[in-house]
Protein backbone atom coordinates (compact mmCIF):
# COMPACT_ATOMS: atom_id res chain seq x y z
CA LEU A 1 22.96 -156.84 -4.59
CA VAL A 2 25.30 -155.66 -7.23
CA GLY A 3 23.47 -152.50 -8.30
CA ALA A 4 20.27 -150.50 -8.35
CA ALA A 5 18.89 -147.81 -10.52
CA VAL A 6 15.74 -145.72 -10.46
CA LEU A 7 14.63 -144.36 -13.93
CA PRO A 8 11.54 -142.65 -15.19
CA HIS A 9 10.38 -144.33 -18.40
CA ALA A 10 8.88 -141.74 -20.54
CA PRO A 11 8.91 -142.58 -24.27
CA ILE A 12 12.31 -140.67 -24.63
CA VAL A 13 13.94 -143.78 -23.04
CA LEU A 14 13.21 -145.51 -26.44
CA ASP A 15 13.49 -142.50 -28.67
CA PRO A 16 14.94 -139.20 -27.41
CA THR A 17 13.69 -137.50 -30.62
CA LEU A 18 10.14 -137.61 -29.57
CA VAL A 19 10.49 -134.94 -26.95
CA GLU A 20 12.01 -131.57 -26.95
CA GLY A 21 13.68 -129.83 -24.03
CA GLY A 22 16.64 -129.56 -22.01
CA GLY A 23 18.33 -132.69 -20.66
CA VAL A 24 16.57 -135.27 -23.06
CA ALA A 25 19.72 -136.30 -24.69
CA GLU A 26 21.65 -136.61 -21.40
CA PHE A 27 18.87 -138.74 -19.95
CA HIS A 28 18.73 -141.02 -22.87
CA GLU A 29 22.55 -141.35 -22.64
CA ALA A 30 22.29 -142.06 -18.90
CA CYS A 31 19.85 -144.81 -19.57
CA GLN A 32 22.15 -146.36 -22.04
CA ASP A 33 25.04 -146.20 -19.55
CA ILE A 34 22.95 -148.04 -16.93
CA ALA A 35 21.94 -150.81 -19.43
CA GLN A 36 25.79 -151.25 -20.22
CA SER A 37 26.52 -151.36 -16.63
CA ILE A 38 23.86 -154.15 -16.04
CA ARG A 39 25.39 -156.04 -18.89
CA GLU A 40 28.84 -155.94 -17.60
CA ARG A 41 27.77 -157.30 -14.17
CA GLN A 42 26.17 -160.10 -15.76
CA PRO A 43 23.61 -160.35 -12.88
CA HIS A 44 21.90 -163.89 -12.26
CA LEU A 45 18.73 -161.98 -11.34
CA ILE A 46 17.17 -158.62 -12.23
CA VAL A 47 14.46 -157.34 -10.10
CA LEU A 48 12.27 -154.90 -11.92
CA THR A 49 9.67 -152.95 -10.21
CA THR A 50 6.94 -150.67 -11.84
CA PRO A 51 3.77 -149.02 -10.69
CA HIS A 52 2.11 -150.22 -13.72
CA GLY A 53 1.94 -153.89 -12.81
CA LEU A 54 -1.13 -155.96 -11.72
CA CYS A 55 -2.22 -155.87 -8.08
CA SER A 56 -4.96 -157.47 -6.15
CA SER A 57 -7.38 -155.50 -4.34
CA ARG A 58 -5.60 -156.26 -0.92
CA SER A 59 -1.98 -155.83 -1.99
CA THR A 60 0.30 -152.84 -2.65
CA ALA A 61 2.59 -154.92 -4.96
CA SER A 62 2.60 -158.24 -6.89
CA VAL A 63 5.35 -160.69 -7.68
CA TYR A 64 5.05 -162.21 -11.19
CA LEU A 65 5.53 -166.01 -10.84
CA ASN A 66 5.50 -167.13 -14.42
CA SER A 67 8.53 -168.65 -16.17
CA THR A 68 8.22 -166.29 -19.10
CA ALA A 69 7.26 -162.59 -19.89
CA SER A 70 6.64 -161.18 -23.27
CA GLY A 71 4.98 -158.20 -24.97
CA THR A 72 5.69 -155.09 -26.92
CA CYS A 73 6.80 -151.69 -25.87
CA GLY A 74 3.56 -150.22 -27.41
CA TYR A 75 2.83 -146.67 -26.38
CA LYS A 76 0.34 -144.39 -28.27
CA ASP A 77 0.56 -146.09 -31.69
CA GLN A 78 4.45 -146.27 -31.35
CA PHE A 79 7.07 -148.82 -30.40
CA PHE A 80 4.98 -151.80 -31.04
CA ASP A 81 7.80 -153.23 -33.31
CA MET A 82 9.97 -153.34 -29.91
CA PHE A 83 9.39 -156.77 -28.61
CA VAL A 84 10.47 -158.26 -25.27
CA ASP A 85 10.67 -161.96 -24.44
CA ALA A 86 12.26 -162.85 -21.11
CA THR A 87 12.88 -165.82 -19.23
CA MET A 88 11.75 -165.48 -15.66
CA ASP A 89 12.93 -167.25 -12.53
CA PRO A 90 9.80 -168.46 -10.83
CA ASP A 91 11.73 -170.28 -7.81
CA SER A 92 13.37 -166.96 -7.03
CA ALA A 93 10.16 -165.07 -7.46
CA ARG A 94 8.40 -167.38 -5.14
CA HIS A 95 11.23 -167.20 -2.60
CA MET A 96 11.12 -163.31 -2.59
CA LEU A 97 7.36 -163.56 -2.34
CA SER A 98 7.57 -165.58 0.78
CA PHE A 99 10.35 -163.39 2.16
CA LEU A 100 8.11 -160.36 1.84
CA GLN A 101 5.04 -161.90 3.16
CA GLN A 102 6.70 -163.26 6.22
CA ARG A 103 7.72 -159.68 6.87
CA ARG A 104 3.99 -158.65 6.61
CA CYS A 105 4.38 -156.79 3.50
CA PHE A 106 1.15 -156.44 1.44
CA VAL A 107 2.41 -158.64 -1.50
CA ASP A 108 0.60 -161.19 -3.78
CA GLY A 109 1.91 -163.66 -6.35
CA VAL A 110 0.44 -163.28 -9.74
CA GLU A 111 0.35 -165.96 -12.49
CA ALA A 112 -0.67 -164.46 -15.73
CA GLY A 113 -2.84 -167.05 -17.88
CA GLY A 114 -2.39 -169.51 -15.14
CA LYS A 115 0.82 -171.62 -14.47
CA ASP A 116 3.05 -170.91 -17.29
């Protein structure tokens, strides 16, 4: 493990001008600093967790097993022009899933659209 960050993901991460209030500019700048820190470390693997992922009725979390992930950052008629297309590591995902399940964590594997 070379680093970790916990961030809220309000729209101000993408565009700080959408929200007024104290700390917005500083928060956006901190997110940019974290992104730069990740780039500098050139990690082999990034583990991203979110409470907005898919889960089965018997698990508290899911591990995505597909080899690619893509989509937009669409939110309330905004950010649909921001597209993400990422290569995933299904072997590492399966290893992590097995590791967590062996420790009796309530985790399932998810393959969106079937295998790849």
